[in-house]
Amino acid sequence: MSENKLSKNAQLVQAALTEYGLDLEVVELPDSTRTSPEAAAAIGCTVDQIVKSLIFRTKSGNPLLITASGSNRVNEKRIREIIGEKIARADADFVREVTGYPIGGVPPFAHNQHIETIIDEDLLKYTEIWAAAGTPN
């Protein structure tokens, strides 16, 4: 799919991939990929291969990105142990402010600002994973 057929947000993600020297192509699908099961069904992969990019807000007010395998839940207590402070799910306005993207379309990079990131090691099991690229499709 050529970049000019992508939505504005998807074009931003594609430009970031190119800037980082990654030979990857953003694909927008006709069906919703807002949830991990929807994404896996639309793509034809396992839910485990879907990257959930979840934004949390630390007690001190900073954003935290957790990229998790689609079948995994974030253990907030364990994250608190790792980073040394409580976290809470961020609301839609905070997510858009710090990332530039809506919930359900947050990519794992190309955000409005630097965001500390924790990556689920289960994602490392796969040679191919799928992440959002700025849109819920």
C-alpha atoms as a PDB file:
ATOM      1  CA  MET A   1       0.000   0.000   0.000  1.00  0.00           C
ATOM      2  CA  SER A   2       1.520   3.312  -0.930  1.00  0.00           C
ATOM      3  CA  GLU A   3       1.959   5.934   1.749  1.00  0.00           C
ATOM      4  CA  ASN A   4      -0.427   8.417   0.102  1.00  0.00           C
ATOM      5  CA  LYS A   5      -3.330   5.963   0.555  1.00  0.00           C
ATOM      6  CA  LEU A   6      -2.730   5.801   4.303  1.00  0.00           C
ATOM      7  CA  SER A   7      -4.522   8.000   6.802  1.00  0.00           C
ATOM      8  CA  LYS A   8      -2.581  10.933   8.260  1.00  0.00           C
ATOM      9  CA  ASN A   9      -1.661   9.091  11.476  1.00  0.00           C
ATOM     10  CA  ALA A  10      -0.597   5.970   9.598  1.00  0.00           C
ATOM     11  CA  GLN A  11       1.553   8.145   7.316  1.00  0.00           C
ATOM     12  CA  LEU A  12       3.308   9.567  10.401  1.00  0.00           C
ATOM     13  CA  VAL A  13       4.100   6.058  11.619  1.00  0.00           C
ATOM     14  CA  GLN A  14       5.294   4.988   8.161  1.00  0.00           C
ATOM     15  CA  ALA A  15       7.549   8.062   7.999  1.00  0.00           C
ATOM     16  CA  ALA A  16       9.026   7.166  11.399  1.00  0.00           C
ATOM     17  CA  LEU A  17       9.715   3.599  10.242  1.00  0.00           C
ATOM     18  CA  THR A  18      11.502   4.966   7.198  1.00  0.00           C
ATOM     19  CA  GLU A  19      13.425   7.488   9.306  1.00  0.00           C
ATOM     20  CA  TYR A  20      14.581   4.678  11.617  1.00  0.00           C
ATOM     21  CA  GLY A  21      15.763   2.704   8.588  1.00  0.00           C
ATOM     22  CA  LEU A  22      13.237  -0.082   9.104  1.00  0.00           C
ATOM     23  CA  ASP A  23      11.983  -1.880   6.010  1.00  0.00           C
ATOM     24  CA  LEU A  24       8.438  -2.313   7.328  1.00  0.00           C
ATOM     25  CA  GLU A  25       5.141  -1.292   5.762  1.00  0.00           C
ATOM     26  CA  VAL A  26       2.126   0.132   7.546  1.00  0.00           C
ATOM     27  CA  VAL A  27      -1.071  -1.577   6.417  1.00  0.00           C
ATOM     28  CA  GLU A  28      -4.543  -0.226   7.130  1.00  0.00           C
ATOM     29  CA  LEU A  29      -7.199  -2.911   7.184  1.00  0.00           C
ATOM     30  CA  PRO A  30     -10.895  -2.617   6.324  1.00  0.00           C
ATOM     31  CA  ASP A  31     -11.960  -4.201   9.633  1.00  0.00           C
ATOM     32  CA  SER A  32     -11.407  -2.857  13.140  1.00  0.00           C
ATOM     33  CA  THR A  33      -8.209  -3.847  14.910  1.00  0.00           C
ATOM     34  CA  ARG A  34      -8.986  -1.874  18.074  1.00  0.00           C
ATOM     35  CA  THR A  35      -8.781  -4.991  20.309  1.00  0.00           C
ATOM     36  CA  SER A  36      -6.247  -7.815  20.201  1.00  0.00           C
ATOM     37  CA  PRO A  37      -8.810 -10.449  19.140  1.00  0.00           C
ATOM     38  CA  GLU A  38     -10.154  -8.146  16.394  1.00  0.00           C
ATOM     39  CA  ALA A  39      -6.617  -7.471  15.174  1.00  0.00           C
ATOM     40  CA  ALA A  40      -5.635 -11.146  15.149  1.00  0.00           C
ATOM     41  CA  ALA A  41      -8.798 -12.059  13.220  1.00  0.00           C
ATOM     42  CA  ALA A  42      -8.287  -9.257  10.675  1.00  0.00           C
ATOM     43  CA  ILE A  43      -4.608 -10.097  10.154  1.00  0.00           C
ATOM     44  CA  GLY A  44      -4.789 -13.882  10.384  1.00  0.00           C
ATOM     45  CA  CYS A  45      -2.289 -14.312  13.189  1.00  0.00           C
ATOM     46  CA  THR A  46      -2.499 -15.404  16.826  1.00  0.00           C
ATOM     47  CA  VAL A  47      -3.595 -13.006  19.558  1.00  0.00           C
ATOM     48  CA  ASP A  48      -0.151 -13.529  21.123  1.00  0.00           C
ATOM     49  CA  GLN A  49       1.434 -11.842  18.058  1.00  0.00           C
ATOM     50  CA  ILE A  50      -0.523  -8.628  18.583  1.00  0.00           C
ATOM     51  CA  VAL A  51       1.319  -5.830  20.382  1.00  0.00           C
ATOM     52  CA  LYS A  52      -0.860  -3.910  22.809  1.00  0.00           C
ATOM     53  CA  SER A  53       0.621  -0.436  23.317  1.00  0.00           C
ATOM     54  CA  LEU A  54      -0.851   0.643  26.651  1.00  0.00           C
ATOM     55  CA  ILE A  55      -0.270   4.049  28.172  1.00  0.00           C
ATOM     56  CA  PHE A  56      -0.235   4.391  31.938  1.00  0.00           C
ATOM     57  CA  ARG A  57       0.262   7.439  34.121  1.00  0.00           C
ATOM     58  CA  THR A  58       2.699   7.136  36.989  1.00  0.00           C
ATOM     59  CA  LYS A  59       1.887   8.559  40.401  1.00  0.00           C
ATOM     60  CA  SER A  60       4.307  11.402  39.614  1.00  0.00           C
ATOM     61  CA  GLY A  61       2.317  12.171  36.432  1.00  0.00           C
ATOM     62  CA  ASN A  62       4.705  10.791  33.833  1.00  0.00           C
ATOM     63  CA  PRO A  63       3.558   8.599  30.945  1.00  0.00           C
ATOM     64  CA  LEU A  64       4.644   4.967  30.820  1.00  0.00           C
ATOM     65  CA  LEU A  65       4.214   2.791  27.742  1.00  0.00           C
ATOM     66  CA  ILE A  66       3.851  -0.936  28.221  1.00  0.00           C
ATOM     67  CA  THR A  67       3.954  -3.028  25.072  1.00  0.00           C
ATOM     68  CA  ALA A  68       2.343  -6.357  25.898  1.00  0.00           C
ATOM     69  CA  SER A  69       1.502  -9.478  23.969  1.00  0.00           C
ATOM     70  CA  GLY A  70      -2.181  -9.419  23.013  1.00  0.00           C
ATOM     71  CA  SER A  71      -3.062 -12.337  25.271  1.00  0.00           C
ATOM     72  CA  ASN A  72      -1.290 -10.964  28.355  1.00  0.00           C
ATOM     73  CA  ARG A  73      -2.620  -8.666  31.050  1.00  0.00           C
ATOM     74  CA  VAL A  74      -0.417  -6.008  32.625  1.00  0.00           C
ATOM     75  CA  ASN A  75       0.400  -6.799  36.245  1.00  0.00           C
ATOM     76  CA  GLU A  76       0.288  -3.286  37.705  1.00  0.00           C
ATOM     77  CA  LYS A  77       1.685  -4.466  41.050  1.00  0.00           C
ATOM     78  CA  ARG A  78       4.735  -5.974  39.308  1.00  0.00           C
ATOM     79  CA  ILE A  79       5.248  -2.803  37.246  1.00  0.00           C
ATOM     80  CA  ARG A  80       5.133  -0.760  40.455  1.00  0.00           C
ATOM     81  CA  GLU A  81       7.915  -2.972  41.839  1.00  0.00           C
ATOM     82  CA  ILE A  82       9.994  -2.447  38.686  1.00  0.00           C
ATOM     83  CA  ILE A  83       9.645   1.340  38.410  1.00  0.00           C
ATOM     84  CA  GLY A  84       9.219   2.192  42.079  1.00  0.00           C
ATOM     85  CA  GLU A  85       5.874   3.971  41.908  1.00  0.00           C
ATOM     86  CA  LYS A  86       2.191   3.256  41.336  1.00  0.00           C
ATOM     87  CA  ILE A  87       0.673   3.408  37.889  1.00  0.00           C
ATOM     88  CA  ALA A  88      -2.875   3.854  36.630  1.00  0.00           C
ATOM     89  CA  ARG A  89      -4.421   3.510  33.169  1.00  0.00           C
ATOM     90  CA  ALA A  90      -4.296   6.868  31.413  1.00  0.00           C
ATOM     91  CA  ASP A  91      -7.461   8.510  30.144  1.00  0.00           C
ATOM     92  CA  ALA A  92      -8.052   9.191  26.445  1.00  0.00           C
ATOM     93  CA  ASP A  93      -7.032  12.865  26.645  1.00  0.00           C
ATOM     94  CA  PHE A  94      -3.699  12.056  28.336  1.00  0.00           C
ATOM     95  CA  VAL A  95      -2.993   9.273  25.815  1.00  0.00           C
ATOM     96  CA  ARG A  96      -3.637  11.581  22.868  1.00  0.00           C
ATOM     97  CA  GLU A  97      -1.575  14.389  24.453  1.00  0.00           C
ATOM     98  CA  VAL A  98       1.564  12.313  25.051  1.00  0.00           C
ATOM     99  CA  THR A  99       1.373  10.037  22.008  1.00  0.00           C
ATOM    100  CA  GLY A 100      -0.558  12.000  19.397  1.00  0.00           C
ATOM    101  CA  TYR A 101      -2.814   8.996  18.765  1.00  0.00           C
ATOM    102  CA  PRO A 102      -6.201   7.749  19.993  1.00  0.00           C
ATOM    103  CA  ILE A 103      -6.635   4.779  22.306  1.00  0.00           C
ATOM    104  CA  GLY A 104      -6.943   1.698  20.114  1.00  0.00           C
ATOM    105  CA  GLY A 105      -4.431   3.054  17.603  1.00  0.00           C
ATOM    106  CA  VAL A 106      -1.348   3.867  19.707  1.00  0.00           C
ATOM    107  CA  PRO A 107       1.825   2.645  18.002  1.00  0.00           C
ATOM    108  CA  PRO A 108       4.817   1.501  20.078  1.00  0.00           C
ATOM    109  CA  PHE A 109       6.909   4.492  18.853  1.00  0.00           C
ATOM    110  CA  ALA A 110       6.622   7.812  16.949  1.00  0.00           C
ATOM    111  CA  HIS A 111       4.984   9.636  19.847  1.00  0.00           C
ATOM    112  CA  ASN A 112       4.711  13.363  20.617  1.00  0.00           C
ATOM    113  CA  GLN A 113       7.267  12.968  23.390  1.00  0.00           C
ATOM    114  CA  HIS A 114       9.741  10.455  24.749  1.00  0.00           C
ATOM    115  CA  ILE A 115       7.925   7.853  26.846  1.00  0.00           C
ATOM    116  CA  GLU A 116       9.633   5.375  29.160  1.00  0.00           C
ATOM    117  CA  THR A 117       8.763   1.940  27.797  1.00  0.00           C
ATOM    118  CA  ILE A 118       8.536  -1.569  29.203  1.00  0.00           C
ATOM    119  CA  ILE A 119       8.399  -4.425  26.685  1.00  0.00           C
ATOM    120  CA  ASP A 120       6.720  -7.759  27.400  1.00  0.00           C
ATOM    121  CA  GLU A 121       9.412 -10.379  26.833  1.00  0.00           C
ATOM    122  CA  ASP A 122       6.763 -12.778  25.462  1.00  0.00           C
ATOM    123  CA  LEU A 123       6.811 -10.679  22.271  1.00  0.00           C
ATOM    124  CA  LEU A 124      10.414 -11.786  21.688  1.00  0.00           C
ATOM    125  CA  LYS A 125       9.230 -15.349  20.963  1.00  0.00           C
ATOM    126  CA  TYR A 126       7.916 -14.364  17.547  1.00  0.00           C
ATOM    127  CA  THR A 127       9.626 -13.556  14.267  1.00  0.00           C
ATOM    128  CA  GLU A 128       6.560 -11.526  13.260  1.00  0.00           C
ATOM    129  CA  ILE A 129       4.428  -9.296  15.453  1.00  0.00           C
ATOM    130  CA  TRP A 130       1.755  -6.711  14.628  1.00  0.00           C
ATOM    131  CA  ALA A 131       1.290  -3.351  16.317  1.00  0.00           C
ATOM    132  CA  ALA A 132      -1.077  -0.424  15.856  1.00  0.00           C
ATOM    133  CA  ALA A 133       0.039   2.324  13.520  1.00  0.00           C
ATOM    134  CA  GLY A 134      -1.928   5.359  14.593  1.00  0.00           C
ATOM    135  CA  THR A 135      -5.461   4.209  13.746  1.00  0.00           C
ATOM    136  CA  PRO A 136      -7.912   1.571  15.000  1.00  0.00           C
ATOM    137  CA  ASN A 137      -7.535  -0.218  11.621  1.00  0.00           C
END
